[in-house]
Amino acid sequence: MHDIHRVETFEIVAPYTLRVGFEDHTEQLINFEPALAGELFGPLRNLSVFNQVRMDPEVHTLVWPNGADFDPATLHDWPELVDALTTQAREWESVPA
């Protein structure tokens, strides 16, 4: 079980990097690049695709046109989870297509 969070704002601040604001008035500056691998997140390595990020007002998280999204709680707790996400991304890259 984990806390439920909602994304309320976001801003593209650098390549693959977003400033994300949450309902609890906290923010995360997230560099997504290390986690962009695999069938779902790999296409976001194309910066023009990554920059199509939008906020889904129904589920209160960030979404991309290819269906990629991250749980808002994951975004909220990114600093604690980024190492595990990066490890998972490396595993996805090593799986033959």
Protein backbone atom coordinates (compact mmCIF):
# COMPACT_ATOMS: atom_id res chain seq x y z
CA MET A 1 0.00 0.00 0.00
CA HIS A 2 1.28 3.45 -0.81
CA ASP A 3 0.12 7.03 -0.54
CA ILE A 4 -2.14 8.31 -3.28
CA HIS A 5 -0.85 11.43 -4.99
CA ARG A 6 -2.06 13.59 -7.85
CA VAL A 7 -0.02 15.52 -10.37
CA GLU A 8 -1.33 19.08 -10.53
CA THR A 9 1.29 20.82 -12.68
CA PHE A 10 4.28 20.08 -14.84
CA GLU A 11 6.80 22.01 -16.88
CA ILE A 12 9.43 20.83 -19.35
CA VAL A 13 12.68 22.33 -18.03
CA ALA A 14 15.35 20.45 -20.03
CA PRO A 15 15.60 17.45 -22.37
CA TYR A 16 13.80 14.52 -20.70
CA THR A 17 13.41 16.60 -17.53
CA LEU A 18 10.17 17.81 -16.00
CA ARG A 19 9.33 19.81 -12.92
CA VAL A 20 6.25 18.07 -11.51
CA GLY A 21 3.98 19.60 -8.85
CA PHE A 22 1.70 17.56 -6.61
CA GLU A 23 -1.47 18.09 -4.55
CA ASP A 24 0.57 18.18 -1.33
CA HIS A 25 2.43 21.28 -2.60
CA THR A 26 5.68 19.37 -3.18
CA GLU A 27 7.64 19.29 -6.42
CA GLN A 28 10.05 16.89 -8.04
CA LEU A 29 12.58 17.73 -10.72
CA ILE A 30 12.67 14.48 -12.68
CA ASN A 31 15.16 13.43 -15.33
CA PHE A 32 13.33 10.54 -16.99
CA GLU A 33 16.12 9.58 -19.40
CA PRO A 34 17.61 6.72 -17.29
CA ALA A 35 14.19 5.01 -17.15
CA LEU A 36 13.33 5.30 -20.85
CA ALA A 37 13.68 1.77 -22.16
CA GLY A 38 11.53 -1.12 -23.21
CA GLU A 39 8.52 -1.33 -25.44
CA LEU A 40 6.44 1.27 -23.59
CA PHE A 41 9.00 3.82 -22.39
CA GLY A 42 11.71 3.34 -25.06
CA PRO A 43 9.85 5.43 -27.67
CA LEU A 44 10.07 8.39 -25.29
CA ARG A 45 13.81 8.55 -26.01
CA ASN A 46 12.68 10.40 -29.13
CA LEU A 47 12.59 13.90 -27.69
CA SER A 48 9.76 14.98 -29.97
CA VAL A 49 7.64 12.16 -28.53
CA PHE A 50 8.74 12.85 -24.95
CA ASN A 51 7.79 16.51 -25.32
CA GLN A 52 4.21 15.52 -26.17
CA VAL A 53 3.66 14.81 -22.47
CA ARG A 54 0.25 15.86 -21.16
CA MET A 55 -1.55 15.68 -17.86
CA ASP A 56 -4.51 13.34 -17.74
CA PRO A 57 -7.13 15.23 -15.71
CA GLU A 58 -9.01 12.04 -14.87
CA VAL A 59 -6.17 10.02 -13.35
CA HIS A 60 -3.98 13.01 -12.39
CA THR A 61 -0.74 11.79 -13.90
CA LEU A 62 1.49 12.44 -16.87
CA VAL A 63 0.73 10.58 -20.09
CA TRP A 64 2.25 10.33 -23.55
CA PRO A 65 0.56 9.63 -26.91
CA ASN A 66 1.88 6.05 -27.06
CA GLY A 67 0.08 5.16 -23.80
CA ALA A 68 3.12 5.48 -21.53
CA ASP A 69 2.48 6.86 -18.05
CA PHE A 70 3.87 6.67 -14.54
CA ASP A 71 1.88 6.20 -11.35
CA PRO A 72 1.65 9.60 -9.63
CA ALA A 73 3.02 8.03 -6.44
CA THR A 74 6.09 6.90 -8.41
CA LEU A 75 6.59 10.45 -9.68
CA HIS A 76 6.11 11.85 -6.18
CA ASP A 77 8.68 9.46 -4.71
CA TRP A 78 11.05 9.50 -7.70
CA PRO A 79 14.27 10.14 -5.72
CA GLU A 80 13.71 6.97 -3.71
CA LEU A 81 12.70 4.90 -6.76
CA VAL A 82 14.96 6.11 -9.58
CA ASP A 83 17.69 3.52 -8.95
CA ALA A 84 15.20 0.64 -9.13
CA LEU A 85 13.56 2.13 -12.22
CA THR A 86 16.94 2.53 -13.92
CA THR A 87 17.83 -1.08 -13.12
CA GLN A 88 14.49 -2.22 -14.54
CA ALA A 89 15.08 -0.16 -17.69
CA ARG A 90 18.47 -1.83 -18.22
CA GLU A 91 16.79 -5.23 -17.91
CA TRP A 92 14.19 -4.22 -20.49
CA GLU A 93 16.97 -3.17 -22.88
CA SER A 94 18.67 -6.55 -22.55
CA VAL A 95 15.51 -8.49 -23.56
CA PRO A 96 15.69 -9.47 -27.26
CA ALA A 97 12.97 -7.90 -29.38
